[in-house]
Amino acid sequence: MSSPETHTVAIVEDNSALGKSLRSIVDASDHLQCAGVWTTGEDAVKKADAFRPDVILMDINLPGMSGIEATARIKAHLPDIQIVMVTVYGDHDKIFAALKAGASGYLLKRSTPAEVREAIQDVLGGGAPMSAAIARRIVEAFHQPAPDSETAEALSPRESEVLELLADGLANKEISAKLEISVHTVRVHVKHIYEKLHVRSRVEAANWYRNTHDQGRLPDS
């Protein structure tokens, strides 16, 4: 039996003590390896492309470029990287904004090592670690009017298939297996879907699909 794959995790945190603590948690975990600790959003945007970590633990409040903006920029170019925001309790507005920017979930700064590991494994498995209050806001966002489908570029038949599976909650590896294409090809399709639908996250893409599909207006070329 082959051993589980090792996943890389980068940490973006300007508090050196917390950054060091998170690094220790990651490196002490089975099948996880720290790709680096970066202290600014600007640095994260540059290094994410070079290191291509599987997961980024992103401080939501960073000096200069915020963690929210850094998340949006990284997800626009590297949509397959899973980003988990690290924040203080009750900062719901910023957390929701980060999720809209493409984050997959969030962690509280007071989280235990076990909770940090659980959140990382959760997003690697296609989950989204978050509180019930934030989950409710996401559900409410699904009921907002969808963007005008006429402003979206036509999706190819394959992109439409990928979008439907994405909206069903499948992770890239699951979409790859379902459609019998490589994970890299899935990533390319997801990137094109984001560009054509003018969205920046899986949540926004799924929201767009559900609204337009319910109205029978999903565009295909």
N, C-alpha and C. Protein backbone atom coordinates (compact mmCIF):
# COMPACT_ATOMS: atom_id res chain seq x y z
N MET A 1 0.85 -1.19 0.00
CA MET A 1 0.00 0.00 0.00
C MET A 1 0.88 1.25 0.00
N SER A 2 0.59 2.18 -0.87
CA SER A 2 1.41 3.39 -0.96
C SER A 2 1.12 4.31 0.21
N SER A 3 2.11 5.08 0.64
CA SER A 3 1.93 5.99 1.76
C SER A 3 1.19 7.23 1.29
N PRO A 4 0.42 7.88 2.21
CA PRO A 4 -0.33 9.08 1.84
C PRO A 4 0.59 10.17 1.33
N GLU A 5 0.06 10.98 0.42
CA GLU A 5 0.83 12.06 -0.19
C GLU A 5 1.16 13.15 0.82
N THR A 6 2.36 13.71 0.73
CA THR A 6 2.73 14.83 1.59
C THR A 6 2.25 16.13 0.95
N HIS A 7 1.57 16.97 1.71
CA HIS A 7 1.05 18.24 1.21
C HIS A 7 1.85 19.40 1.82
N THR A 8 2.03 20.44 1.02
CA THR A 8 2.79 21.60 1.49
C THR A 8 1.84 22.69 1.96
N VAL A 9 2.25 23.36 3.02
CA VAL A 9 1.45 24.42 3.63
C VAL A 9 2.32 25.66 3.83
N ALA A 10 1.90 26.79 3.30
CA ALA A 10 2.60 28.05 3.52
C ALA A 10 1.83 28.86 4.56
N ILE A 11 2.54 29.69 5.29
CA ILE A 11 1.95 30.50 6.35
C ILE A 11 2.23 31.96 6.07
N VAL A 12 1.19 32.79 6.10
CA VAL A 12 1.35 34.23 5.91
C VAL A 12 0.93 34.91 7.20
N GLU A 13 1.90 35.36 7.97
CA GLU A 13 1.64 35.89 9.31
C GLU A 13 2.73 36.87 9.71
N ASP A 14 2.32 38.09 10.06
CA ASP A 14 3.33 39.09 10.43
C ASP A 14 3.73 39.01 11.90
N ASN A 15 2.98 38.27 12.70
CA ASN A 15 3.35 38.05 14.11
C ASN A 15 4.33 36.89 14.15
N SER A 16 5.59 37.17 14.44
CA SER A 16 6.64 36.15 14.34
C SER A 16 6.39 34.97 15.26
N ALA A 17 5.88 35.23 16.47
CA ALA A 17 5.62 34.14 17.42
C ALA A 17 4.53 33.21 16.90
N LEU A 18 3.45 33.79 16.38
CA LEU A 18 2.36 32.97 15.85
C LEU A 18 2.81 32.23 14.59
N GLY A 19 3.58 32.91 13.74
CA GLY A 19 4.08 32.26 12.54
C GLY A 19 4.96 31.06 12.88
N LYS A 20 5.82 31.23 13.89
CA LYS A 20 6.69 30.14 14.32
C LYS A 20 5.88 28.99 14.90
N SER A 21 4.83 29.33 15.67
CA SER A 21 3.96 28.31 16.27
C SER A 21 3.23 27.51 15.20
N LEU A 22 2.69 28.20 14.20
CA LEU A 22 1.98 27.51 13.13
C LEU A 22 2.92 26.61 12.33
N ARG A 23 4.14 27.12 12.11
CA ARG A 23 5.12 26.30 11.38
C ARG A 23 5.43 25.01 12.14
N SER A 24 5.57 25.12 13.44
CA SER A 24 5.86 23.94 14.26
C SER A 24 4.72 22.93 14.19
N ILE A 25 3.48 23.44 14.20
CA ILE A 25 2.31 22.56 14.12
C ILE A 25 2.30 21.82 12.78
N VAL A 26 2.56 22.56 11.71
CA VAL A 26 2.56 21.94 10.38
C VAL A 26 3.66 20.91 10.26
N ASP A 27 4.87 21.27 10.64
CA ASP A 27 6.01 20.37 10.46
C ASP A 27 5.95 19.15 11.38
N ALA A 28 5.18 19.28 12.47
CA ALA A 28 5.04 18.14 13.39
C ALA A 28 3.92 17.20 12.95
N SER A 29 3.20 17.59 11.90
CA SER A 29 2.06 16.80 11.44
C SER A 29 2.48 15.79 10.38
N ASP A 30 1.89 14.60 10.46
CA ASP A 30 2.17 13.58 9.44
C ASP A 30 1.66 14.06 8.08
N HIS A 31 2.50 13.90 7.07
CA HIS A 31 2.13 14.17 5.68
C HIS A 31 1.88 15.66 5.39
N LEU A 32 2.40 16.54 6.25
CA LEU A 32 2.34 17.98 5.99
C LEU A 32 3.76 18.55 6.09
N GLN A 33 4.07 19.52 5.23
CA GLN A 33 5.38 20.15 5.25
C GLN A 33 5.22 21.64 5.03
N CYS A 34 5.87 22.46 5.84
CA CYS A 34 5.78 23.91 5.71
C CYS A 34 6.62 24.38 4.52
N ALA A 35 5.99 25.12 3.62
CA ALA A 35 6.68 25.65 2.44
C ALA A 35 7.33 26.99 2.71
N GLY A 36 7.02 27.59 3.86
CA GLY A 36 7.61 28.86 4.21
C GLY A 36 6.68 29.71 5.06
N VAL A 37 7.25 30.66 5.78
CA VAL A 37 6.48 31.63 6.55
C VAL A 37 6.74 33.00 5.94
N TRP A 38 5.70 33.61 5.39
CA TRP A 38 5.80 34.91 4.73
C TRP A 38 5.09 35.95 5.56
N THR A 39 5.64 37.15 5.63
CA THR A 39 5.14 38.12 6.59
C THR A 39 4.25 39.22 6.01
N THR A 40 4.12 39.28 4.69
CA THR A 40 3.27 40.31 4.08
C THR A 40 2.42 39.71 2.96
N GLY A 41 1.33 40.40 2.64
CA GLY A 41 0.50 39.98 1.54
C GLY A 41 1.23 40.07 0.22
N GLU A 42 2.02 41.13 0.07
CA GLU A 42 2.79 41.31 -1.15
C GLU A 42 3.76 40.14 -1.37
N ASP A 43 4.41 39.72 -0.30
CA ASP A 43 5.34 38.59 -0.38
C ASP A 43 4.60 37.30 -0.72
N ALA A 44 3.41 37.14 -0.14
CA ALA A 44 2.62 35.94 -0.39
C ALA A 44 2.23 35.82 -1.86
N VAL A 45 1.83 36.94 -2.46
CA VAL A 45 1.42 36.92 -3.86
C VAL A 45 2.59 36.51 -4.75
N LYS A 46 3.78 37.03 -4.45
CA LYS A 46 4.96 36.70 -5.25
C LYS A 46 5.38 35.24 -5.06
N LYS A 47 5.41 34.80 -3.81
CA LYS A 47 5.98 33.48 -3.52
C LYS A 47 4.99 32.34 -3.76
N ALA A 48 3.69 32.63 -3.75
CA ALA A 48 2.71 31.57 -3.98
C ALA A 48 2.94 30.94 -5.35
N ASP A 49 3.26 31.76 -6.34
CA ASP A 49 3.49 31.24 -7.69
C ASP A 49 4.76 30.41 -7.76
N ALA A 50 5.77 30.82 -7.00
CA ALA A 50 7.05 30.10 -7.02
C ALA A 50 6.98 28.77 -6.27
N PHE A 51 6.30 28.77 -5.13
CA PHE A 51 6.29 27.57 -4.28
C PHE A 51 5.08 26.67 -4.53
N ARG A 52 3.98 27.24 -5.03
CA ARG A 52 2.75 26.49 -5.32
C ARG A 52 2.35 25.56 -4.16
N PRO A 53 2.16 26.09 -2.96
CA PRO A 53 1.75 25.23 -1.84
C PRO A 53 0.33 24.71 -2.06
N ASP A 54 0.01 23.60 -1.42
CA ASP A 54 -1.36 23.07 -1.51
C ASP A 54 -2.32 23.92 -0.69
N VAL A 55 -1.84 24.42 0.44
CA VAL A 55 -2.67 25.21 1.36
C VAL A 55 -1.88 26.42 1.83
N ILE A 56 -2.58 27.55 2.00
CA ILE A 56 -1.98 28.73 2.62
C ILE A 56 -2.81 29.10 3.83
N LEU A 57 -2.15 29.25 4.98
CA LEU A 57 -2.80 29.81 6.17
C LEU A 57 -2.53 31.31 6.14
N MET A 58 -3.57 32.11 5.90
CA MET A 58 -3.43 33.54 5.62
C MET A 58 -3.98 34.40 6.74
N ASP A 59 -3.12 35.20 7.36
CA ASP A 59 -3.59 36.18 8.36
C ASP A 59 -4.51 37.17 7.65
N ILE A 60 -5.67 37.43 8.23
CA ILE A 60 -6.63 38.31 7.57
C ILE A 60 -6.22 39.78 7.69
N ASN A 61 -5.52 40.12 8.77
CA ASN A 61 -5.09 41.50 9.01
C ASN A 61 -3.58 41.60 8.87
N LEU A 62 -3.14 42.05 7.70
CA LEU A 62 -1.71 42.19 7.44
C LEU A 62 -1.38 43.66 7.17
N PRO A 63 -0.16 44.09 7.47
CA PRO A 63 0.23 45.46 7.13
C PRO A 63 0.37 45.60 5.62
N GLY A 64 0.02 46.74 5.08
CA GLY A 64 0.07 46.91 3.62
C GLY A 64 -1.10 46.18 2.98
N MET A 65 -0.81 45.31 2.01
CA MET A 65 -1.86 44.53 1.36
C MET A 65 -2.53 43.60 2.38
N SER A 66 -3.84 43.68 2.48
CA SER A 66 -4.56 42.84 3.45
C SER A 66 -4.56 41.38 3.01
N GLY A 67 -4.87 40.51 3.96
CA GLY A 67 -4.98 39.10 3.64
C GLY A 67 -6.10 38.83 2.66
N ILE A 68 -7.15 39.66 2.71
CA ILE A 68 -8.27 39.50 1.78
C ILE A 68 -7.84 39.79 0.34
N GLU A 69 -7.12 40.91 0.16
CA GLU A 69 -6.65 41.27 -1.18
C GLU A 69 -5.64 40.25 -1.69
N ALA A 70 -4.74 39.81 -0.81
CA ALA A 70 -3.75 38.81 -1.22
C ALA A 70 -4.44 37.52 -1.65
N THR A 71 -5.49 37.15 -0.93
CA THR A 71 -6.26 35.95 -1.27
C THR A 71 -6.88 36.08 -2.66
N ALA A 72 -7.51 37.23 -2.92
CA ALA A 72 -8.14 37.46 -4.22
C ALA A 72 -7.12 37.37 -5.36
N ARG A 73 -5.95 37.96 -5.15
CA ARG A 73 -4.92 37.94 -6.20
C ARG A 73 -4.37 36.55 -6.45
N ILE A 74 -4.14 35.82 -5.37
CA ILE A 74 -3.61 34.46 -5.51
C ILE A 74 -4.63 33.56 -6.19
N LYS A 75 -5.89 33.63 -5.76
CA LYS A 75 -6.92 32.77 -6.32
C LYS A 75 -7.21 33.09 -7.79
N ALA A 76 -7.01 34.35 -8.18
CA ALA A 76 -7.25 34.73 -9.58
C ALA A 76 -6.27 34.02 -10.52
N HIS A 77 -5.05 33.78 -10.03
CA HIS A 77 -4.02 33.17 -10.89
C HIS A 77 -3.75 31.71 -10.54
N LEU A 78 -4.01 31.34 -9.30
CA LEU A 78 -3.74 29.97 -8.84
C LEU A 78 -4.96 29.43 -8.10
N PRO A 79 -6.04 29.18 -8.82
CA PRO A 79 -7.31 28.82 -8.16
C PRO A 79 -7.29 27.51 -7.39
N ASP A 80 -6.30 26.66 -7.65
CA ASP A 80 -6.28 25.36 -6.98
C ASP A 80 -5.66 25.42 -5.59
N ILE A 81 -5.00 26.51 -5.25
CA ILE A 81 -4.44 26.65 -3.90
C ILE A 81 -5.59 26.91 -2.93
N GLN A 82 -5.63 26.13 -1.86
CA GLN A 82 -6.66 26.31 -0.84
C GLN A 82 -6.16 27.28 0.22
N ILE A 83 -6.94 28.33 0.49
CA ILE A 83 -6.52 29.35 1.44
C ILE A 83 -7.44 29.35 2.64
N VAL A 84 -6.86 29.24 3.82
CA VAL A 84 -7.60 29.28 5.08
C VAL A 84 -7.20 30.55 5.81
N MET A 85 -8.17 31.41 6.10
CA MET A 85 -7.87 32.65 6.80
C MET A 85 -7.64 32.39 8.29
N VAL A 86 -6.72 33.14 8.87
CA VAL A 86 -6.44 33.05 10.30
C VAL A 86 -6.82 34.39 10.91
N THR A 87 -7.73 34.38 11.86
CA THR A 87 -8.28 35.63 12.36
C THR A 87 -8.68 35.53 13.82
N VAL A 88 -9.15 36.65 14.37
CA VAL A 88 -9.63 36.68 15.75
C VAL A 88 -11.12 36.36 15.77
N TYR A 89 -11.62 36.03 16.91
CA TYR A 89 -13.03 35.64 17.05
C TYR A 89 -13.98 36.79 16.70
N GLY A 90 -15.03 36.48 15.97
CA GLY A 90 -16.11 37.43 15.75
C GLY A 90 -15.90 38.43 14.64
N ASP A 91 -14.81 38.34 13.88
CA ASP A 91 -14.56 39.31 12.80
C ASP A 91 -15.31 38.85 11.55
N HIS A 92 -16.65 38.75 11.67
CA HIS A 92 -17.46 38.10 10.64
C HIS A 92 -17.44 38.82 9.30
N ASP A 93 -17.48 40.14 9.30
CA ASP A 93 -17.52 40.87 8.03
C ASP A 93 -16.27 40.60 7.20
N LYS A 94 -15.11 40.65 7.85
CA LYS A 94 -13.86 40.41 7.13
C LYS A 94 -13.75 38.95 6.69
N ILE A 95 -14.23 38.04 7.54
CA ILE A 95 -14.18 36.62 7.17
C ILE A 95 -15.04 36.37 5.94
N PHE A 96 -16.24 36.95 5.93
CA PHE A 96 -17.15 36.75 4.80
C PHE A 96 -16.54 37.36 3.54
N ALA A 97 -15.92 38.52 3.68
CA ALA A 97 -15.27 39.16 2.52
C ALA A 97 -14.14 38.28 2.00
N ALA A 98 -13.41 37.65 2.90
CA ALA A 98 -12.32 36.76 2.50
C ALA A 98 -12.85 35.54 1.76
N LEU A 99 -13.96 34.99 2.24
CA LEU A 99 -14.57 33.84 1.57
C LEU A 99 -15.05 34.23 0.17
N LYS A 100 -15.61 35.42 0.04
CA LYS A 100 -16.03 35.91 -1.27
C LYS A 100 -14.83 36.10 -2.20
N ALA A 101 -13.67 36.43 -1.61
CA ALA A 101 -12.45 36.62 -2.40
C ALA A 101 -11.83 35.30 -2.82
N GLY A 102 -12.31 34.19 -2.25
CA GLY A 102 -11.80 32.89 -2.67
C GLY A 102 -11.27 31.98 -1.58
N ALA A 103 -11.27 32.45 -0.32
CA ALA A 103 -10.80 31.60 0.77
C ALA A 103 -11.73 30.40 0.95
N SER A 104 -11.19 29.30 1.41
CA SER A 104 -11.97 28.07 1.58
C SER A 104 -12.53 27.92 2.99
N GLY A 105 -12.07 28.72 3.92
CA GLY A 105 -12.52 28.62 5.30
C GLY A 105 -11.66 29.50 6.19
N TYR A 106 -11.80 29.31 7.49
CA TYR A 106 -10.99 30.13 8.38
C TYR A 106 -10.69 29.41 9.69
N LEU A 107 -9.66 29.89 10.36
CA LEU A 107 -9.22 29.40 11.66
C LEU A 107 -9.15 30.57 12.63
N LEU A 108 -9.47 30.33 13.88
CA LEU A 108 -9.26 31.36 14.90
C LEU A 108 -7.82 31.28 15.39
N LYS A 109 -7.27 32.44 15.73
CA LYS A 109 -5.87 32.47 16.19
C LYS A 109 -5.68 31.70 17.49
N ARG A 110 -6.76 31.49 18.21
CA ARG A 110 -6.67 30.74 19.47
C ARG A 110 -6.87 29.23 19.26
N SER A 111 -6.93 28.78 18.02
CA SER A 111 -7.16 27.36 17.72
C SER A 111 -6.04 26.49 18.29
N THR A 112 -6.40 25.28 18.70
CA THR A 112 -5.43 24.32 19.22
C THR A 112 -4.68 23.70 18.03
N PRO A 113 -3.52 23.09 18.29
CA PRO A 113 -2.80 22.40 17.21
C PRO A 113 -3.68 21.38 16.49
N ALA A 114 -4.51 20.66 17.24
CA ALA A 114 -5.39 19.67 16.63
C ALA A 114 -6.39 20.33 15.69
N GLU A 115 -6.90 21.49 16.09
CA GLU A 115 -7.86 22.21 15.24
C GLU A 115 -7.20 22.75 13.97
N VAL A 116 -5.95 23.18 14.09
CA VAL A 116 -5.21 23.64 12.90
C VAL A 116 -5.03 22.50 11.92
N ARG A 117 -4.59 21.35 12.42
CA ARG A 117 -4.39 20.18 11.56
C ARG A 117 -5.71 19.74 10.93
N GLU A 118 -6.78 19.77 11.72
CA GLU A 118 -8.09 19.35 11.22
C GLU A 118 -8.57 20.27 10.10
N ALA A 119 -8.36 21.58 10.27
CA ALA A 119 -8.78 22.54 9.24
C ALA A 119 -8.01 22.32 7.94
N ILE A 120 -6.70 22.07 8.05
CA ILE A 120 -5.88 21.83 6.85
C ILE A 120 -6.36 20.57 6.13
N GLN A 121 -6.56 19.50 6.89
CA GLN A 121 -7.02 18.25 6.27
C GLN A 121 -8.42 18.42 5.69
N ASP A 122 -9.23 19.26 6.32
CA ASP A 122 -10.59 19.51 5.85
C ASP A 122 -10.57 20.14 4.45
N VAL A 123 -9.76 21.20 4.27
CA VAL A 123 -9.73 21.85 2.95
C VAL A 123 -9.06 20.96 1.90
N LEU A 124 -8.08 20.17 2.33
CA LEU A 124 -7.45 19.25 1.38
C LEU A 124 -8.45 18.21 0.87
N GLY A 125 -9.44 17.91 1.70
CA GLY A 125 -10.47 16.95 1.33
C GLY A 125 -11.67 17.58 0.66
N GLY A 126 -11.58 18.88 0.37
CA GLY A 126 -12.68 19.56 -0.29
C GLY A 126 -13.67 20.22 0.65
N GLY A 127 -13.37 20.24 1.95
CA GLY A 127 -14.26 20.85 2.93
C GLY A 127 -14.00 22.33 3.10
N ALA A 128 -14.74 22.94 4.04
CA ALA A 128 -14.64 24.37 4.28
C ALA A 128 -14.84 24.66 5.77
N PRO A 129 -13.74 24.71 6.54
CA PRO A 129 -13.87 24.94 7.98
C PRO A 129 -14.37 26.34 8.29
N MET A 130 -15.52 26.42 8.98
CA MET A 130 -16.09 27.72 9.34
C MET A 130 -17.18 27.54 10.37
N SER A 131 -17.58 28.63 11.00
CA SER A 131 -18.63 28.58 12.01
C SER A 131 -20.01 28.54 11.36
N ALA A 132 -21.02 28.21 12.16
CA ALA A 132 -22.39 28.17 11.66
C ALA A 132 -22.86 29.55 11.20
N ALA A 133 -22.41 30.60 11.90
CA ALA A 133 -22.83 31.97 11.55
C ALA A 133 -22.34 32.35 10.17
N ILE A 134 -21.09 32.01 9.86
CA ILE A 134 -20.54 32.33 8.54
C ILE A 134 -21.19 31.45 7.48
N ALA A 135 -21.41 30.18 7.80
CA ALA A 135 -22.06 29.28 6.85
C ALA A 135 -23.45 29.81 6.49
N ARG A 136 -24.15 30.37 7.46
CA ARG A 136 -25.48 30.92 7.20
C ARG A 136 -25.39 32.10 6.23
N ARG A 137 -24.39 32.95 6.40
CA ARG A 137 -24.24 34.09 5.50
C ARG A 137 -23.96 33.64 4.08
N ILE A 138 -23.23 32.55 3.92
CA ILE A 138 -22.96 32.03 2.59
C ILE A 138 -24.24 31.51 1.96
N VAL A 139 -25.05 30.80 2.75
CA VAL A 139 -26.33 30.30 2.24
C VAL A 139 -27.21 31.48 1.81
N GLU A 140 -27.22 32.54 2.61
CA GLU A 140 -28.01 33.72 2.26
C GLU A 140 -27.51 34.35 0.97
N ALA A 141 -26.20 34.31 0.75
CA ALA A 141 -25.62 34.89 -0.46
C ALA A 141 -26.09 34.14 -1.70
N PHE A 142 -26.38 32.84 -1.54
CA PHE A 142 -26.87 32.06 -2.68
C PHE A 142 -28.22 32.55 -3.17
N HIS A 143 -28.96 33.25 -2.29
CA HIS A 143 -30.30 33.71 -2.66
C HIS A 143 -30.28 35.11 -3.26
N GLN A 144 -29.09 35.70 -3.37
CA GLN A 144 -28.97 37.01 -4.01
C GLN A 144 -29.11 36.84 -5.52
N PRO A 145 -29.56 37.88 -6.24
CA PRO A 145 -29.69 37.77 -7.69
C PRO A 145 -28.36 37.38 -8.34
N ALA A 146 -28.43 36.52 -9.31
CA ALA A 146 -27.21 36.09 -10.01
C ALA A 146 -26.75 37.18 -10.95
N PRO A 147 -25.45 37.24 -11.25
CA PRO A 147 -24.97 38.17 -12.27
C PRO A 147 -25.67 37.90 -13.59
N ASP A 148 -25.84 38.90 -14.40
CA ASP A 148 -26.50 38.77 -15.69
C ASP A 148 -25.73 37.78 -16.56
N SER A 149 -26.38 36.67 -16.93
CA SER A 149 -25.70 35.64 -17.71
C SER A 149 -25.24 36.16 -19.06
N GLU A 150 -25.88 37.22 -19.56
CA GLU A 150 -25.49 37.74 -20.86
C GLU A 150 -24.11 38.40 -20.82
N THR A 151 -23.65 38.76 -19.59
CA THR A 151 -22.33 39.38 -19.48
C THR A 151 -21.23 38.33 -19.41
N ALA A 152 -21.61 37.06 -19.23
CA ALA A 152 -20.63 36.00 -19.14
C ALA A 152 -20.29 35.46 -20.52
N GLU A 153 -19.02 35.17 -20.73
CA GLU A 153 -18.62 34.55 -21.99
C GLU A 153 -19.11 33.10 -22.03
N ALA A 154 -19.38 32.60 -23.21
CA ALA A 154 -19.89 31.24 -23.36
C ALA A 154 -18.86 30.23 -22.86
N LEU A 155 -19.34 29.25 -22.10
CA LEU A 155 -18.48 28.19 -21.62
C LEU A 155 -18.43 27.07 -22.66
N SER A 156 -17.29 26.42 -22.75
CA SER A 156 -17.19 25.25 -23.62
C SER A 156 -17.97 24.11 -22.96
N PRO A 157 -18.32 23.08 -23.73
CA PRO A 157 -19.02 21.93 -23.13
C PRO A 157 -18.25 21.33 -21.95
N ARG A 158 -16.92 21.22 -22.09
CA ARG A 158 -16.13 20.65 -21.00
C ARG A 158 -16.13 21.57 -19.78
N GLU A 159 -16.03 22.88 -20.00
CA GLU A 159 -16.07 23.83 -18.88
C GLU A 159 -17.40 23.75 -18.16
N SER A 160 -18.48 23.56 -18.92
CA SER A 160 -19.81 23.42 -18.31
C SER A 160 -19.87 22.18 -17.43
N GLU A 161 -19.24 21.08 -17.90
CA GLU A 161 -19.21 19.86 -17.09
C GLU A 161 -18.42 20.08 -15.80
N VAL A 162 -17.29 20.74 -15.92
CA VAL A 162 -16.45 21.02 -14.74
C VAL A 162 -17.21 21.91 -13.77
N LEU A 163 -17.88 22.94 -14.28
CA LEU A 163 -18.62 23.86 -13.42
C LEU A 163 -19.74 23.14 -12.67
N GLU A 164 -20.44 22.25 -13.36
CA GLU A 164 -21.53 21.51 -12.71
C GLU A 164 -21.01 20.66 -11.56
N LEU A 165 -19.88 19.99 -11.77
CA LEU A 165 -19.29 19.17 -10.72
C LEU A 165 -18.74 20.02 -9.59
N LEU A 166 -18.16 21.17 -9.95
CA LEU A 166 -17.68 22.11 -8.94
C LEU A 166 -18.83 22.57 -8.07
N ALA A 167 -19.98 22.88 -8.70
CA ALA A 167 -21.16 23.33 -7.96
C ALA A 167 -21.72 22.23 -7.06
N ASP A 168 -21.45 20.97 -7.43
CA ASP A 168 -21.88 19.84 -6.60
C ASP A 168 -20.95 19.62 -5.42
N GLY A 169 -19.89 20.42 -5.33
CA GLY A 169 -18.98 20.34 -4.19
C GLY A 169 -17.78 19.43 -4.38
N LEU A 170 -17.54 18.96 -5.62
CA LEU A 170 -16.41 18.06 -5.84
C LEU A 170 -15.09 18.83 -5.86
N ALA A 171 -14.06 18.25 -5.27
CA ALA A 171 -12.72 18.82 -5.30
C ALA A 171 -12.10 18.54 -6.67
N ASN A 172 -11.01 19.22 -6.98
CA ASN A 172 -10.38 19.07 -8.30
C ASN A 172 -9.99 17.63 -8.60
N LYS A 173 -9.48 16.90 -7.61
CA LYS A 173 -9.09 15.51 -7.83
C LYS A 173 -10.30 14.64 -8.16
N GLU A 174 -11.43 14.95 -7.51
CA GLU A 174 -12.65 14.19 -7.77
C GLU A 174 -13.19 14.49 -9.16
N ILE A 175 -13.12 15.76 -9.57
CA ILE A 175 -13.54 16.13 -10.93
C ILE A 175 -12.64 15.45 -11.95
N SER A 176 -11.35 15.41 -11.65
CA SER A 176 -10.39 14.75 -12.53
C SER A 176 -10.76 13.29 -12.76
N ALA A 177 -11.09 12.59 -11.66
CA ALA A 177 -11.44 11.17 -11.76
C ALA A 177 -12.77 10.98 -12.49
N LYS A 178 -13.70 11.86 -12.20
CA LYS A 178 -15.04 11.75 -12.80
C LYS A 178 -15.00 11.94 -14.31
N LEU A 179 -14.22 12.91 -14.76
CA LEU A 179 -14.17 13.24 -16.18
C LEU A 179 -13.01 12.55 -16.91
N GLU A 180 -12.19 11.83 -16.13
CA GLU A 180 -11.04 11.11 -16.69
C GLU A 180 -10.09 12.07 -17.41
N ILE A 181 -9.78 13.17 -16.75
CA ILE A 181 -8.79 14.13 -17.23
C ILE A 181 -7.83 14.41 -16.08
N SER A 182 -6.69 15.02 -16.39
CA SER A 182 -5.69 15.27 -15.36
C SER A 182 -6.13 16.40 -14.43
N VAL A 183 -5.56 16.42 -13.22
CA VAL A 183 -5.86 17.49 -12.27
C VAL A 183 -5.42 18.83 -12.85
N HIS A 184 -4.28 18.82 -13.56
CA HIS A 184 -3.80 20.06 -14.19
C HIS A 184 -4.83 20.59 -15.17
N THR A 185 -5.42 19.71 -15.96
CA THR A 185 -6.44 20.13 -16.94
C THR A 185 -7.66 20.70 -16.21
N VAL A 186 -8.03 20.09 -15.09
CA VAL A 186 -9.16 20.62 -14.31
C VAL A 186 -8.83 22.03 -13.84
N ARG A 187 -7.62 22.25 -13.37
CA ARG A 187 -7.21 23.57 -12.89
C ARG A 187 -7.32 24.61 -14.00
N VAL A 188 -6.90 24.22 -15.20
CA VAL A 188 -6.97 25.13 -16.35
C VAL A 188 -8.44 25.48 -16.65
N HIS A 189 -9.29 24.47 -16.63
CA HIS A 189 -10.71 24.72 -16.88
C HIS A 189 -11.31 25.64 -15.82
N VAL A 190 -10.95 25.39 -14.56
CA VAL A 190 -11.48 26.22 -13.47
C VAL A 190 -11.03 27.67 -13.64
N LYS A 191 -9.77 27.86 -14.01
CA LYS A 191 -9.26 29.21 -14.24
C LYS A 191 -10.05 29.90 -15.35
N HIS A 192 -10.31 29.19 -16.44
CA HIS A 192 -11.08 29.77 -17.55
C HIS A 192 -12.52 30.07 -17.15
N ILE A 193 -13.08 29.21 -16.32
CA ILE A 193 -14.45 29.43 -15.82
C ILE A 193 -14.50 30.72 -15.00
N TYR A 194 -13.52 30.90 -14.10
CA TYR A 194 -13.46 32.12 -13.30
C TYR A 194 -13.41 33.35 -14.21
N GLU A 195 -12.55 33.28 -15.24
CA GLU A 195 -12.37 34.42 -16.13
C GLU A 195 -13.65 34.71 -16.92
N LYS A 196 -14.30 33.67 -17.42
CA LYS A 196 -15.49 33.87 -18.25
C LYS A 196 -16.70 34.34 -17.45
N LEU A 197 -16.81 33.84 -16.22
CA LEU A 197 -17.97 34.20 -15.39
C LEU A 197 -17.72 35.44 -14.53
N HIS A 198 -16.48 35.94 -14.58
CA HIS A 198 -16.10 37.12 -13.79
C HIS A 198 -16.29 36.87 -12.30
N VAL A 199 -15.84 35.70 -11.84
CA VAL A 199 -15.89 35.35 -10.43
C VAL A 199 -14.48 35.06 -9.95
N ARG A 200 -14.31 34.98 -8.62
CA ARG A 200 -12.96 34.80 -8.08
C ARG A 200 -12.85 33.62 -7.13
N SER A 201 -13.92 32.84 -6.97
CA SER A 201 -13.86 31.72 -6.03
C SER A 201 -14.83 30.62 -6.43
N ARG A 202 -14.63 29.45 -5.82
CA ARG A 202 -15.53 28.31 -6.07
C ARG A 202 -16.93 28.62 -5.58
N VAL A 203 -17.02 29.35 -4.46
CA VAL A 203 -18.34 29.71 -3.93
C VAL A 203 -19.10 30.58 -4.93
N GLU A 204 -18.43 31.60 -5.48
CA GLU A 204 -19.08 32.48 -6.44
C GLU A 204 -19.45 31.73 -7.72
N ALA A 205 -18.58 30.84 -8.17
CA ALA A 205 -18.87 30.08 -9.38
C ALA A 205 -20.06 29.15 -9.16
N ALA A 206 -20.08 28.49 -7.99
CA ALA A 206 -21.21 27.59 -7.68
C ALA A 206 -22.50 28.38 -7.55
N ASN A 207 -22.42 29.56 -6.93
CA ASN A 207 -23.59 30.43 -6.79
C ASN A 207 -24.12 30.83 -8.17
N TRP A 208 -23.21 31.22 -9.06
CA TRP A 208 -23.59 31.61 -10.43
C TRP A 208 -24.27 30.44 -11.13
N TYR A 209 -23.69 29.25 -11.00
CA TYR A 209 -24.24 28.08 -11.68
C TYR A 209 -25.65 27.78 -11.18
N ARG A 210 -25.82 27.77 -9.85
CA ARG A 210 -27.13 27.41 -9.30
C ARG A 210 -28.21 28.38 -9.74
N ASN A 211 -27.89 29.67 -9.71
CA ASN A 211 -28.88 30.67 -10.10
C ASN A 211 -29.21 30.57 -11.59
N THR A 212 -28.21 30.51 -12.44
CA THR A 212 -28.47 30.48 -13.88
C THR A 212 -29.06 29.14 -14.30
N HIS A 213 -28.63 28.04 -13.67
CA HIS A 213 -29.14 26.73 -14.02
C HIS A 213 -30.62 26.62 -13.65
N ASP A 214 -30.97 27.17 -12.48
CA ASP A 214 -32.37 27.13 -12.06
C ASP A 214 -33.26 27.86 -13.05
N GLN A 215 -32.68 28.89 -13.72
CA GLN A 215 -33.45 29.68 -14.67
C GLN A 215 -33.29 29.17 -16.10
N GLY A 216 -32.55 28.04 -16.26
CA GLY A 216 -32.40 27.45 -17.58
C GLY A 216 -31.59 28.30 -18.53
N ARG A 217 -30.58 29.05 -18.00
CA ARG A 217 -29.86 29.99 -18.84
C ARG A 217 -28.37 29.72 -18.88
N LEU A 218 -27.93 28.51 -18.55
CA LEU A 218 -26.50 28.23 -18.55
C LEU A 218 -25.96 28.29 -19.97
N PRO A 219 -25.04 29.23 -20.26
CA PRO A 219 -24.58 29.39 -21.66
C PRO A 219 -23.55 28.35 -22.05
N ASP A 220 -23.71 27.79 -23.20
CA ASP A 220 -22.73 26.88 -23.77
C ASP A 220 -22.40 27.38 -25.17
N SER A 221 -21.19 27.13 -25.61
CA SER A 221 -20.82 27.53 -26.96
C SER A 221 -21.11 26.41 -27.93
